[in-house]
Amino acid sequence: MMDDRLDATFASLADPTRRAILARLAQGEATVNELAEPFAMSLPAISRHLKVLERAGLISRGREAQWRPCRLEAAPLKDIANWVDHYRRFWDASFDRMADYLKELQTPKGDQDDRKN
């Protein structure tokens, strides 16, 4: 089940328009018209992007009279952060090894020989 949620979230984030919409919603609620404003695409196209984000649980749409504000839902982003964090130790270790190697390359040859003795 968690894999399905991660798949939907990653798939949603793969599109730059959807990432831009999420960035806008991180500033606060917005209507479809407000979200569509910076893009050179039709309202139906924006609505399709919103449906993808909504199915992934990244946004929700409310209803306040005639106004249907969209809002960011952060839980799926937290799931991604937790998933990525699980692998952090692997890339941290790789960066540490690379830093050690770069230091070794920058150390003059004579200094390396002195340390071995």
PDB file of N, CA and C in Angstrom:
ATOM      1  N   MET A   1       0.828  -1.194   0.000  1.00  0.00           N
ATOM      2  CA  MET A   1       0.000   0.000   0.000  1.00  0.00           C
ATOM      3  C   MET A   1       0.872   1.257   0.000  1.00  0.00           C
ATOM      4  N   MET A   2       1.901   1.268   0.858  1.00  0.00           N
ATOM      5  CA  MET A   2       2.795   2.428   0.927  1.00  0.00           C
ATOM      6  C   MET A   2       3.514   2.616  -0.401  1.00  0.00           C
ATOM      7  N   ASP A   3       3.899   1.512  -1.061  1.00  0.00           N
ATOM      8  CA  ASP A   3       4.564   1.614  -2.354  1.00  0.00           C
ATOM      9  C   ASP A   3       3.664   2.283  -3.386  1.00  0.00           C
ATOM     10  N   ASP A   4       2.379   1.947  -3.367  1.00  0.00           N
ATOM     11  CA  ASP A   4       1.429   2.563  -4.301  1.00  0.00           C
ATOM     12  C   ASP A   4       1.335   4.065  -4.068  1.00  0.00           C
ATOM     13  N   ARG A   5       1.326   4.470  -2.792  1.00  0.00           N
ATOM     14  CA  ARG A   5       1.258   5.906  -2.476  1.00  0.00           C
ATOM     15  C   ARG A   5       2.526   6.612  -2.927  1.00  0.00           C
ATOM     16  N   LEU A   6       3.674   5.980  -2.684  1.00  0.00           N
ATOM     17  CA  LEU A   6       4.934   6.586  -3.130  1.00  0.00           C
ATOM     18  C   LEU A   6       4.968   6.691  -4.649  1.00  0.00           C
ATOM     19  N   ASP A   7       4.532   5.638  -5.339  1.00  0.00           N
ATOM     20  CA  ASP A   7       4.506   5.657  -6.809  1.00  0.00           C
ATOM     21  C   ASP A   7       3.641   6.806  -7.318  1.00  0.00           C
ATOM     22  N   ALA A   8       2.468   6.970  -6.742  1.00  0.00           N
ATOM     23  CA  ALA A   8       1.557   8.040  -7.173  1.00  0.00           C
ATOM     24  C   ALA A   8       2.167   9.411  -6.891  1.00  0.00           C
ATOM     25  N   THR A   9       2.827   9.538  -5.757  1.00  0.00           N
ATOM     26  CA  THR A   9       3.426  10.827  -5.400  1.00  0.00           C
ATOM     27  C   THR A   9       4.586  11.151  -6.331  1.00  0.00           C
ATOM     28  N   PHE A  10       5.488  10.188  -6.535  1.00  0.00           N
ATOM     29  CA  PHE A  10       6.613  10.428  -7.440  1.00  0.00           C
ATOM     30  C   PHE A  10       6.125  10.715  -8.857  1.00  0.00           C
ATOM     31  N   ALA A  11       5.124   9.982  -9.325  1.00  0.00           N
ATOM     32  CA  ALA A  11       4.591  10.219 -10.672  1.00  0.00           C
ATOM     33  C   ALA A  11       4.015  11.631 -10.782  1.00  0.00           C
ATOM     34  N   SER A  12       3.332  12.069  -9.738  1.00  0.00           N
ATOM     35  CA  SER A  12       2.770  13.424  -9.744  1.00  0.00           C
ATOM     36  C   SER A  12       3.860  14.474  -9.801  1.00  0.00           C
ATOM     37  N   LEU A  13       4.935  14.240  -9.064  1.00  0.00           N
ATOM     38  CA  LEU A  13       6.025  15.216  -8.993  1.00  0.00           C
ATOM     39  C   LEU A  13       6.919  15.199 -10.225  1.00  0.00           C
ATOM     40  N   ALA A  14       6.744  14.227 -11.097  1.00  0.00           N
ATOM     41  CA  ALA A  14       7.586  14.130 -12.294  1.00  0.00           C
ATOM     42  C   ALA A  14       7.320  15.255 -13.289  1.00  0.00           C
ATOM     43  N   ASP A  15       6.180  15.903 -13.179  1.00  0.00           N
ATOM     44  CA  ASP A  15       5.805  16.954 -14.129  1.00  0.00           C
ATOM     45  C   ASP A  15       6.133  18.336 -13.563  1.00  0.00           C
ATOM     46  N   PRO A  16       6.861  19.175 -14.333  1.00  0.00           N
ATOM     47  CA  PRO A  16       7.238  20.489 -13.823  1.00  0.00           C
ATOM     48  C   PRO A  16       6.042  21.412 -13.546  1.00  0.00           C
ATOM     49  N   THR A  17       4.973  21.277 -14.308  1.00  0.00           N
ATOM     50  CA  THR A  17       3.780  22.102 -14.059  1.00  0.00           C
ATOM     51  C   THR A  17       3.192  21.752 -12.700  1.00  0.00           C
ATOM     52  N   ARG A  18       3.102  20.472 -12.404  1.00  0.00           N
ATOM     53  CA  ARG A  18       2.543  20.066 -11.110  1.00  0.00           C
ATOM     54  C   ARG A  18       3.442  20.495  -9.957  1.00  0.00           C
ATOM     55  N   ARG A  19       4.758  20.426 -10.158  1.00  0.00           N
ATOM     56  CA  ARG A  19       5.665  20.903  -9.104  1.00  0.00           C
ATOM     57  C   ARG A  19       5.479  22.402  -8.883  1.00  0.00           C
ATOM     58  N   ALA A  20       5.276  23.151  -9.955  1.00  0.00           N
ATOM     59  CA  ALA A  20       5.054  24.599  -9.835  1.00  0.00           C
ATOM     60  C   ALA A  20       3.731  24.884  -9.117  1.00  0.00           C
ATOM     61  N   ILE A  21       2.723  24.093  -9.401  1.00  0.00           N
ATOM     62  CA  ILE A  21       1.438  24.257  -8.717  1.00  0.00           C
ATOM     63  C   ILE A  21       1.606  24.005  -7.222  1.00  0.00           C
ATOM     64  N   LEU A  22       2.334  22.961  -6.867  1.00  0.00           N
ATOM     65  CA  LEU A  22       2.573  22.682  -5.444  1.00  0.00           C
ATOM     66  C   LEU A  22       3.362  23.809  -4.783  1.00  0.00           C
ATOM     67  N   ALA A  23       4.346  24.344  -5.507  1.00  0.00           N
ATOM     68  CA  ALA A  23       5.124  25.462  -4.952  1.00  0.00           C
ATOM     69  C   ALA A  23       4.210  26.652  -4.683  1.00  0.00           C
ATOM     70  N   ARG A  24       3.286  26.914  -5.580  1.00  0.00           N
ATOM     71  CA  ARG A  24       2.337  28.020  -5.365  1.00  0.00           C
ATOM     72  C   ARG A  24       1.433  27.740  -4.174  1.00  0.00           C
ATOM     73  N   LEU A  25       0.954  26.495  -4.062  1.00  0.00           N
ATOM     74  CA  LEU A  25       0.059  26.159  -2.954  1.00  0.00           C
ATOM     75  C   LEU A  25       0.780  26.139  -1.610  1.00  0.00           C
ATOM     76  N   ALA A  26       2.094  26.015  -1.627  1.00  0.00           N
ATOM     77  CA  ALA A  26       2.853  26.093  -0.377  1.00  0.00           C
ATOM     78  C   ALA A  26       2.748  27.489   0.232  1.00  0.00           C
ATOM     79  N   GLN A  27       2.379  28.475  -0.585  1.00  0.00           N
ATOM     80  CA  GLN A  27       2.200  29.848  -0.111  1.00  0.00           C
ATOM     81  C   GLN A  27       0.802  30.077   0.447  1.00  0.00           C
ATOM     82  N   GLY A  28      -0.119  29.170   0.152  1.00  0.00           N
ATOM     83  CA  GLY A  28      -1.490  29.312   0.635  1.00  0.00           C
ATOM     84  C   GLY A  28      -2.497  28.830  -0.388  1.00  0.00           C
ATOM     85  N   GLU A  29      -3.755  28.770   0.014  1.00  0.00           N
ATOM     86  CA  GLU A  29      -4.826  28.304  -0.861  1.00  0.00           C
ATOM     87  C   GLU A  29      -4.934  29.162  -2.113  1.00  0.00           C
ATOM     88  N   ALA A  30      -5.447  28.544  -3.184  1.00  0.00           N
ATOM     89  CA  ALA A  30      -5.641  29.266  -4.444  1.00  0.00           C
ATOM     90  C   ALA A  30      -6.754  28.607  -5.235  1.00  0.00           C
ATOM     91  N   THR A  31      -7.398  29.395  -6.074  1.00  0.00           N
ATOM     92  CA  THR A  31      -8.423  28.854  -6.968  1.00  0.00           C
ATOM     93  C   THR A  31      -7.750  28.288  -8.208  1.00  0.00           C
ATOM     94  N   VAL A  32      -8.517  27.556  -8.996  1.00  0.00           N
ATOM     95  CA  VAL A  32      -8.000  27.011 -10.255  1.00  0.00           C
ATOM     96  C   VAL A  32      -7.535  28.152 -11.155  1.00  0.00           C
ATOM     97  N   ASN A  33      -8.316  29.221 -11.227  1.00  0.00           N
ATOM     98  CA  ASN A  33      -7.931  30.366 -12.064  1.00  0.00           C
ATOM     99  C   ASN A  33      -6.607  30.967 -11.609  1.00  0.00           C
ATOM    100  N   GLU A  34      -6.445  31.098 -10.297  1.00  0.00           N
ATOM    101  CA  GLU A  34      -5.187  31.646  -9.782  1.00  0.00           C
ATOM    102  C   GLU A  34      -4.014  30.718 -10.089  1.00  0.00           C
ATOM    103  N   LEU A  35      -4.252  29.420  -9.976  1.00  0.00           N
ATOM    104  CA  LEU A  35      -3.184  28.457 -10.269  1.00  0.00           C
ATOM    105  C   LEU A  35      -2.845  28.430 -11.757  1.00  0.00           C
ATOM    106  N   ALA A  36      -3.838  28.666 -12.605  1.00  0.00           N
ATOM    107  CA  ALA A  36      -3.638  28.614 -14.053  1.00  0.00           C
ATOM    108  C   ALA A  36      -2.923  29.849 -14.592  1.00  0.00           C
ATOM    109  N   GLU A  37      -3.002  30.942 -13.861  1.00  0.00           N
ATOM    110  CA  GLU A  37      -2.520  32.237 -14.343  1.00  0.00           C
ATOM    111  C   GLU A  37      -1.103  32.225 -14.944  1.00  0.00           C
ATOM    112  N   PRO A  38      -0.108  31.633 -14.284  1.00  0.00           N
ATOM    113  CA  PRO A  38       1.249  31.728 -14.851  1.00  0.00           C
ATOM    114  C   PRO A  38       1.524  30.779 -16.022  1.00  0.00           C
ATOM    115  N   PHE A  39       0.573  29.924 -16.363  1.00  0.00           N
ATOM    116  CA  PHE A  39       0.819  28.911 -17.395  1.00  0.00           C
ATOM    117  C   PHE A  39       0.108  29.241 -18.698  1.00  0.00           C
ATOM    118  N   ALA A  40       0.749  28.909 -19.795  1.00  0.00           N
ATOM    119  CA  ALA A  40       0.148  29.099 -21.113  1.00  0.00           C
ATOM    120  C   ALA A  40      -0.582  27.814 -21.503  1.00  0.00           C
ATOM    121  N   MET A  41      -1.631  27.496 -20.721  1.00  0.00           N
ATOM    122  CA  MET A  41      -2.439  26.319 -21.041  1.00  0.00           C
ATOM    123  C   MET A  41      -3.871  26.580 -20.612  1.00  0.00           C
ATOM    124  N   SER A  42      -4.754  25.747 -21.117  1.00  0.00           N
ATOM    125  CA  SER A  42      -6.186  25.943 -20.858  1.00  0.00           C
ATOM    126  C   SER A  42      -6.547  25.543 -19.428  1.00  0.00           C
ATOM    127  N   LEU A  43      -7.700  26.032 -18.980  1.00  0.00           N
ATOM    128  CA  LEU A  43      -8.202  25.638 -17.657  1.00  0.00           C
ATOM    129  C   LEU A  43      -8.453  24.131 -17.564  1.00  0.00           C
ATOM    130  N   PRO A  44      -8.997  23.501 -18.638  1.00  0.00           N
ATOM    131  CA  PRO A  44      -9.153  22.042 -18.559  1.00  0.00           C
ATOM    132  C   PRO A  44      -7.806  21.314 -18.382  1.00  0.00           C
ATOM    133  N   ALA A  45      -6.756  21.825 -18.997  1.00  0.00           N
ATOM    134  CA  ALA A  45      -5.439  21.206 -18.832  1.00  0.00           C
ATOM    135  C   ALA A  45      -4.957  21.351 -17.389  1.00  0.00           C
ATOM    136  N   ILE A  46      -5.148  22.521 -16.811  1.00  0.00           N
ATOM    137  CA  ILE A  46      -4.774  22.739 -15.409  1.00  0.00           C
ATOM    138  C   ILE A  46      -5.605  21.828 -14.513  1.00  0.00           C
ATOM    139  N   SER A  47      -6.884  21.692 -14.820  1.00  0.00           N
ATOM    140  CA  SER A  47      -7.759  20.827 -14.022  1.00  0.00           C
ATOM    141  C   SER A  47      -7.284  19.380 -14.067  1.00  0.00           C
ATOM    142  N   ARG A  48      -6.781  18.930 -15.210  1.00  0.00           N
ATOM    143  CA  ARG A  48      -6.247  17.561 -15.296  1.00  0.00           C
ATOM    144  C   ARG A  48      -5.027  17.405 -14.387  1.00  0.00           C
ATOM    145  N   HIS A  49      -4.158  18.429 -14.377  1.00  0.00           N
ATOM    146  CA  HIS A  49      -2.999  18.387 -13.480  1.00  0.00           C
ATOM    147  C   HIS A  49      -3.459  18.332 -12.022  1.00  0.00           C
ATOM    148  N   LEU A  50      -4.478  19.118 -11.698  1.00  0.00           N
ATOM    149  CA  LEU A  50      -4.988  19.144 -10.328  1.00  0.00           C
ATOM    150  C   LEU A  50      -5.576  17.789  -9.933  1.00  0.00           C
ATOM    151  N   LYS A  51      -6.238  17.125 -10.868  1.00  0.00           N
ATOM    152  CA  LYS A  51      -6.799  15.803 -10.571  1.00  0.00           C
ATOM    153  C   LYS A  51      -5.693  14.798 -10.270  1.00  0.00           C
ATOM    154  N   VAL A  52      -4.592  14.874 -10.997  1.00  0.00           N
ATOM    155  CA  VAL A  52      -3.453  13.979 -10.726  1.00  0.00           C
ATOM    156  C   VAL A  52      -2.918  14.244  -9.317  1.00  0.00           C
ATOM    157  N   LEU A  53      -2.750  15.511  -8.987  1.00  0.00           N
ATOM    158  CA  LEU A  53      -2.257  15.873  -7.658  1.00  0.00           C
ATOM    159  C   LEU A  53      -3.240  15.449  -6.565  1.00  0.00           C
ATOM    160  N   GLU A  54      -4.512  15.585  -6.851  1.00  0.00           N
ATOM    161  CA  GLU A  54      -5.542  15.212  -5.876  1.00  0.00           C
ATOM    162  C   GLU A  54      -5.565  13.700  -5.664  1.00  0.00           C
ATOM    163  N   ARG A  55      -5.475  12.923  -6.741  1.00  0.00           N
ATOM    164  CA  ARG A  55      -5.451  11.456  -6.615  1.00  0.00           C
ATOM    165  C   ARG A  55      -4.244  10.980  -5.817  1.00  0.00           C
ATOM    166  N   ALA A  56      -3.128  11.712  -5.935  1.00  0.00           N
ATOM    167  CA  ALA A  56      -1.915  11.362  -5.180  1.00  0.00           C
ATOM    168  C   ALA A  56      -1.992  11.848  -3.735  1.00  0.00           C
ATOM    169  N   GLY A  57      -3.039  12.583  -3.404  1.00  0.00           N
ATOM    170  CA  GLY A  57      -3.201  13.088  -2.044  1.00  0.00           C
ATOM    171  C   GLY A  57      -2.368  14.319  -1.742  1.00  0.00           C
ATOM    172  N   LEU A  58      -1.798  14.930  -2.782  1.00  0.00           N
ATOM    173  CA  LEU A  58      -0.935  16.100  -2.590  1.00  0.00           C
ATOM    174  C   LEU A  58      -1.711  17.397  -2.423  1.00  0.00           C
ATOM    175  N   ILE A  59      -2.941  17.420  -2.933  1.00  0.00           N
ATOM    176  CA  ILE A  59      -3.791  18.602  -2.742  1.00  0.00           C
ATOM    177  C   ILE A  59      -5.192  18.140  -2.369  1.00  0.00           C
ATOM    178  N   SER A  60      -5.943  19.059  -1.808  1.00  0.00           N
ATOM    179  CA  SER A  60      -7.367  18.833  -1.585  1.00  0.00           C
ATOM    180  C   SER A  60      -8.097  20.069  -2.089  1.00  0.00           C
ATOM    181  N   ARG A  61      -9.362  19.867  -2.418  1.00  0.00           N
ATOM    182  CA  ARG A  61     -10.178  20.985  -2.880  1.00  0.00           C
ATOM    183  C   ARG A  61     -11.361  21.138  -1.944  1.00  0.00           C
ATOM    184  N   GLY A  62     -11.530  22.337  -1.476  1.00  0.00           N
ATOM    185  CA  GLY A  62     -12.642  22.625  -0.580  1.00  0.00           C
ATOM    186  C   GLY A  62     -13.807  23.224  -1.330  1.00  0.00           C
ATOM    187  N   ARG A  63     -14.808  23.592  -0.584  1.00  0.00           N
ATOM    188  CA  ARG A  63     -15.952  24.275  -1.189  1.00  0.00           C
ATOM    189  C   ARG A  63     -16.422  25.328  -0.220  1.00  0.00           C
ATOM    190  N   GLU A  64     -16.333  26.559  -0.660  1.00  0.00           N
ATOM    191  CA  GLU A  64     -16.818  27.691   0.120  1.00  0.00           C
ATOM    192  C   GLU A  64     -17.677  28.539  -0.806  1.00  0.00           C
ATOM    193  N   ALA A  65     -18.972  28.288  -0.753  1.00  0.00           N
ATOM    194  CA  ALA A  65     -19.933  28.929  -1.659  1.00  0.00           C
ATOM    195  C   ALA A  65     -19.537  28.618  -3.094  1.00  0.00           C
ATOM    196  N   GLN A  66     -19.276  29.641  -3.892  1.00  0.00           N
ATOM    197  CA  GLN A  66     -18.878  29.446  -5.296  1.00  0.00           C
ATOM    198  C   GLN A  66     -17.375  29.189  -5.442  1.00  0.00           C
ATOM    199  N   TRP A  67     -16.673  29.394  -4.391  1.00  0.00           N
ATOM    200  CA  TRP A  67     -15.213  29.330  -4.435  1.00  0.00           C
ATOM    201  C   TRP A  67     -14.754  27.939  -4.040  1.00  0.00           C
ATOM    202  N   ARG A  68     -13.899  27.319  -4.859  1.00  0.00           N
ATOM    203  CA  ARG A  68     -13.360  25.980  -4.556  1.00  0.00           C
ATOM    204  C   ARG A  68     -11.851  26.078  -4.412  1.00  0.00           C
ATOM    205  N   PRO A  69     -11.387  26.454  -3.235  1.00  0.00           N
ATOM    206  CA  PRO A  69      -9.939  26.618  -3.064  1.00  0.00           C
ATOM    207  C   PRO A  69      -9.209  25.274  -3.057  1.00  0.00           C
ATOM    208  N   CYS A  70      -8.005  25.301  -3.618  1.00  0.00           N
ATOM    209  CA  CYS A  70      -7.110  24.149  -3.560  1.00  0.00           C
ATOM    210  C   CYS A  70      -6.116  24.421  -2.451  1.00  0.00           C
ATOM    211  N   ARG A  71      -5.743  23.365  -1.742  1.00  0.00           N
ATOM    212  CA  ARG A  71      -4.747  23.526  -0.679  1.00  0.00           C
ATOM    213  C   ARG A  71      -3.763  22.363  -0.733  1.00  0.00           C
ATOM    214  N   LEU A  72      -2.570  22.640  -0.308  1.00  0.00           N
ATOM    215  CA  LEU A  72      -1.510  21.642  -0.254  1.00  0.00           C
ATOM    216  C   LEU A  72      -1.764  20.679   0.899  1.00  0.00           C
ATOM    217  N   GLU A  73      -1.558  19.405   0.643  1.00  0.00           N
ATOM    218  CA  GLU A  73      -1.616  18.370   1.676  1.00  0.00           C
ATOM    219  C   GLU A  73      -0.206  17.786   1.770  1.00  0.00           C
ATOM    220  N   ALA A  74       0.444  17.990   2.886  1.00  0.00           N
ATOM    221  CA  ALA A  74       1.874  17.687   2.995  1.00  0.00           C
ATOM    222  C   ALA A  74       2.197  16.238   3.342  1.00  0.00           C
ATOM    223  N   ALA A  75       1.242  15.442   3.779  1.00  0.00           N
ATOM    224  CA  ALA A  75       1.540  14.077   4.229  1.00  0.00           C
ATOM    225  C   ALA A  75       2.281  13.240   3.180  1.00  0.00           C
ATOM    226  N   PRO A  76       1.865  13.250   1.903  1.00  0.00           N
ATOM    227  CA  PRO A  76       2.617  12.455   0.919  1.00  0.00           C
ATOM    228  C   PRO A  76       4.058  12.938   0.744  1.00  0.00           C
ATOM    229  N   LEU A  77       4.282  14.225   0.904  1.00  0.00           N
ATOM    230  CA  LEU A  77       5.648  14.751   0.807  1.00  0.00           C
ATOM    231  C   LEU A  77       6.484  14.273   1.991  1.00  0.00           C
ATOM    232  N   LYS A  78       5.864  14.161   3.137  1.00  0.00           N
ATOM    233  CA  LYS A  78       6.547  13.629   4.320  1.00  0.00           C
ATOM    234  C   LYS A  78       6.917  12.158   4.097  1.00  0.00           C
ATOM    235  N   ASP A  79       6.016  11.406   3.465  1.00  0.00           N
ATOM    236  CA  ASP A  79       6.311  10.000   3.149  1.00  0.00           C
ATOM    237  C   ASP A  79       7.533   9.888   2.244  1.00  0.00           C
ATOM    238  N   ILE A  80       7.624  10.778   1.250  1.00  0.00           N
ATOM    239  CA  ILE A  80       8.791  10.774   0.357  1.00  0.00           C
ATOM    240  C   ILE A  80      10.048  11.138   1.135  1.00  0.00           C
ATOM    241  N   ALA A  81       9.951  12.141   1.985  1.00  0.00           N
ATOM    242  CA  ALA A  81      11.118  12.551   2.775  1.00  0.00           C
ATOM    243  C   ALA A  81      11.600  11.400   3.650  1.00  0.00           C
ATOM    244  N   ASN A  82      10.682  10.670   4.248  1.00  0.00           N
ATOM    245  CA  ASN A  82      11.056   9.517   5.068  1.00  0.00           C
ATOM    246  C   ASN A  82      11.703   8.421   4.230  1.00  0.00           C
ATOM    247  N   TRP A  83      11.167   8.177   3.046  1.00  0.00           N
ATOM    248  CA  TRP A  83      11.715   7.155   2.159  1.00  0.00           C
ATOM    249  C   TRP A  83      13.132   7.533   1.730  1.00  0.00           C
ATOM    250  N   VAL A  84      13.321   8.775   1.337  1.00  0.00           N
ATOM    251  CA  VAL A  84      14.639   9.245   0.910  1.00  0.00           C
ATOM    252  C   VAL A  84      15.620   9.211   2.081  1.00  0.00           C
ATOM    253  N   ASP A  85      15.153   9.587   3.256  1.00  0.00           N
ATOM    254  CA  ASP A  85      16.021   9.624   4.428  1.00  0.00           C
ATOM    255  C   ASP A  85      16.586   8.244   4.758  1.00  0.00           C
ATOM    256  N   HIS A  86      15.812   7.212   4.466  1.00  0.00           N
ATOM    257  CA  HIS A  86      16.273   5.837   4.688  1.00  0.00           C
ATOM    258  C   HIS A  86      17.567   5.557   3.911  1.00  0.00           C
ATOM    259  N   TYR A  87      17.726   6.178   2.751  1.00  0.00           N
ATOM    260  CA  TYR A  87      18.893   5.949   1.900  1.00  0.00           C
ATOM    261  C   TYR A  87      20.004   6.973   2.124  1.00  0.00           C
ATOM    262  N   ARG A  88      19.748   7.947   2.961  1.00  0.00           N
ATOM    263  CA  ARG A  88      20.720   9.009   3.204  1.00  0.00           C
ATOM    264  C   ARG A  88      22.057   8.462   3.693  1.00  0.00           C
ATOM    265  N   ARG A  89      22.037   7.464   4.554  1.00  0.00           N
ATOM    266  CA  ARG A  89      23.298   6.935   5.095  1.00  0.00           C
ATOM    267  C   ARG A  89      24.186   6.382   3.999  1.00  0.00           C
ATOM    268  N   PHE A  90      23.590   5.858   2.928  1.00  0.00           N
ATOM    269  CA  PHE A  90      24.384   5.319   1.829  1.00  0.00           C
ATOM    270  C   PHE A  90      25.109   6.415   1.070  1.00  0.00           C
ATOM    271  N   TRP A  91      24.375   7.509   0.752  1.00  0.00           N
ATOM    272  CA  TRP A  91      25.064   8.557   0.007  1.00  0.00           C
ATOM    273  C   TRP A  91      25.963   9.376   0.913  1.00  0.00           C
ATOM    274  N   ASP A  92      25.638   9.480   2.207  1.00  0.00           N
ATOM    275  CA  ASP A  92      26.555  10.151   3.133  1.00  0.00           C
ATOM    276  C   ASP A  92      27.884   9.411   3.186  1.00  0.00           C
ATOM    277  N   ALA A  93      27.844   8.090   3.268  1.00  0.00           N
ATOM    278  CA  ALA A  93      29.073   7.284   3.294  1.00  0.00           C
ATOM    279  C   ALA A  93      29.846   7.458   1.991  1.00  0.00           C
ATOM    280  N   SER A  94      29.142   7.522   0.869  1.00  0.00           N
ATOM    281  CA  SER A  94      29.816   7.717  -0.426  1.00  0.00           C
ATOM    282  C   SER A  94      30.493   9.082  -0.477  1.00  0.00           C
ATOM    283  N   PHE A  95      29.826  10.100   0.014  1.00  0.00           N
ATOM    284  CA  PHE A  95      30.425  11.437   0.023  1.00  0.00           C
ATOM    285  C   PHE A  95      31.629  11.493   0.956  1.00  0.00           C
ATOM    286  N   ASP A  96      31.544  10.796   2.086  1.00  0.00           N
ATOM    287  CA  ASP A  96      32.677  10.754   3.012  1.00  0.00           C
ATOM    288  C   ASP A  96      33.881  10.090   2.345  1.00  0.00           C
ATOM    289  N   ARG A  97      33.642   8.982   1.636  1.00  0.00           N
ATOM    290  CA  ARG A  97      34.743   8.309   0.935  1.00  0.00           C
ATOM    291  C   ARG A  97      35.324   9.209  -0.152  1.00  0.00           C
ATOM    292  N   MET A  98      34.465   9.920  -0.863  1.00  0.00           N
ATOM    293  CA  MET A  98      34.946  10.820  -1.907  1.00  0.00           C
ATOM    294  C   MET A  98      35.767  11.953  -1.297  1.00  0.00           C
ATOM    295  N   ALA A  99      35.318  12.500  -0.172  1.00  0.00           N
ATOM    296  CA  ALA A  99      36.063  13.576   0.491  1.00  0.00           C
ATOM    297  C   ALA A  99      37.440  13.075   0.932  1.00  0.00           C
ATOM    298  N   ASP A 100      37.491  11.860   1.478  1.00  0.00           N
ATOM    299  CA  ASP A 100      38.784  11.278   1.872  1.00  0.00           C
ATOM    300  C   ASP A 100      39.697  11.114   0.663  1.00  0.00           C
ATOM    301  N   TYR A 101      39.138  10.656  -0.431  1.00  0.00           N
ATOM    302  CA  TYR A 101      39.922  10.451  -1.652  1.00  0.00           C
ATOM    303  C   TYR A 101      40.441  11.783  -2.190  1.00  0.00           C
ATOM    304  N   LEU A 102      39.597  12.807  -2.175  1.00  0.00           N
ATOM    305  CA  LEU A 102      40.031  14.119  -2.660  1.00  0.00           C
ATOM    306  C   LEU A 102      41.130  14.699  -1.777  1.00  0.00           C
ATOM    307  N   LYS A 103      41.034  14.507  -0.476  1.00  0.00           N
ATOM    308  CA  LYS A 103      42.099  14.956   0.429  1.00  0.00           C
ATOM    309  C   LYS A 103      43.404  14.229   0.108  1.00  0.00           C
ATOM    310  N   GLU A 104      43.269  12.936  -0.160  1.00  0.00           N
ATOM    311  CA  GLU A 104      44.449  12.132  -0.501  1.00  0.00           C
ATOM    312  C   GLU A 104      45.098  12.638  -1.782  1.00  0.00           C
ATOM    313  N   LEU A 105      44.281  13.013  -2.758  1.00  0.00           N
ATOM    314  CA  LEU A 105      44.810  13.521  -4.027  1.00  0.00           C
ATOM    315  C   LEU A 105      45.515  14.865  -3.839  1.00  0.00           C
ATOM    316  N   GLN A 106      45.045  15.658  -2.884  1.00  0.00           N
ATOM    317  CA  GLN A 106      45.613  16.988  -2.678  1.00  0.00           C
ATOM    318  C   GLN A 106      46.845  16.975  -1.783  1.00  0.00           C
ATOM    319  N   THR A 107      47.078  15.874  -1.106  1.00  0.00           N
ATOM    320  CA  THR A 107      48.245  15.774  -0.227  1.00  0.00           C
ATOM    321  C   THR A 107      49.480  15.511  -1.083  1.00  0.00           C
ATOM    322  N   PRO A 108      50.556  16.309  -0.898  1.00  0.00           N
ATOM    323  CA  PRO A 108      51.784  16.074  -1.669  1.00  0.00           C
ATOM    324  C   PRO A 108      52.296  14.661  -1.444  1.00  0.00           C
ATOM    325  N   LYS A 109      52.901  14.096  -2.464  1.00  0.00           N
ATOM    326  CA  LYS A 109      53.370  12.703  -2.442  1.00  0.00           C
ATOM    327  C   LYS A 109      54.297  12.431  -1.261  1.00  0.00           C
ATOM    328  N   GLY A 110      55.223  13.325  -0.949  1.00  0.00           N
ATOM    329  CA  GLY A 110      56.158  13.126   0.157  1.00  0.00           C
ATOM    330  C   GLY A 110      55.450  13.031   1.491  1.00  0.00           C
ATOM    331  N   ASP A 111      54.382  13.825   1.681  1.00  0.00           N
ATOM    332  CA  ASP A 111      53.630  13.794   2.933  1.00  0.00           C
ATOM    333  C   ASP A 111      52.933  12.449   3.111  1.00  0.00           C
ATOM    334  N   GLN A 112      52.462  11.856   2.010  1.00  0.00           N
ATOM    335  CA  GLN A 112      51.800  10.563   2.085  1.00  0.00           C
ATOM    336  C   GLN A 112      52.799   9.493   2.513  1.00  0.00           C
ATOM    337  N   ASP A 113      54.038   9.564   1.953  1.00  0.00           N
ATOM    338  CA  ASP A 113      55.057   8.569   2.302  1.00  0.00           C
ATOM    339  C   ASP A 113      55.443   8.699   3.757  1.00  0.00           C
ATOM    340  N   ASP A 114      55.534   9.945   4.300  1.00  0.00           N
ATOM    341  CA  ASP A 114      55.904  10.155   5.694  1.00  0.00           C
ATOM    342  C   ASP A 114      54.863   9.544   6.636  1.00  0.00           C
ATOM    343  N   ARG A 115      53.590   9.643   6.256  1.00  0.00           N
ATOM    344  CA  ARG A 115      52.529   9.109   7.117  1.00  0.00           C
ATOM    345  C   ARG A 115      52.541   7.592   7.163  1.00  0.00           C
ATOM    346  N   LYS A 116      52.991   6.949   6.087  1.00  0.00           N
ATOM    347  CA  LYS A 116      52.997   5.486   6.035  1.00  0.00           C
ATOM    348  C   LYS A 116      54.085   4.930   6.964  1.00  0.00           C
ATOM    349  N   ASN A 117      55.162   5.699   7.198  1.00  0.00           N
ATOM    350  CA  ASN A 117      56.262   5.203   8.030  1.00  0.00           C
ATOM    351  C   ASN A 117      56.013   5.395   9.462  1.00  0.00           C
TER     352      ASN A 117
END
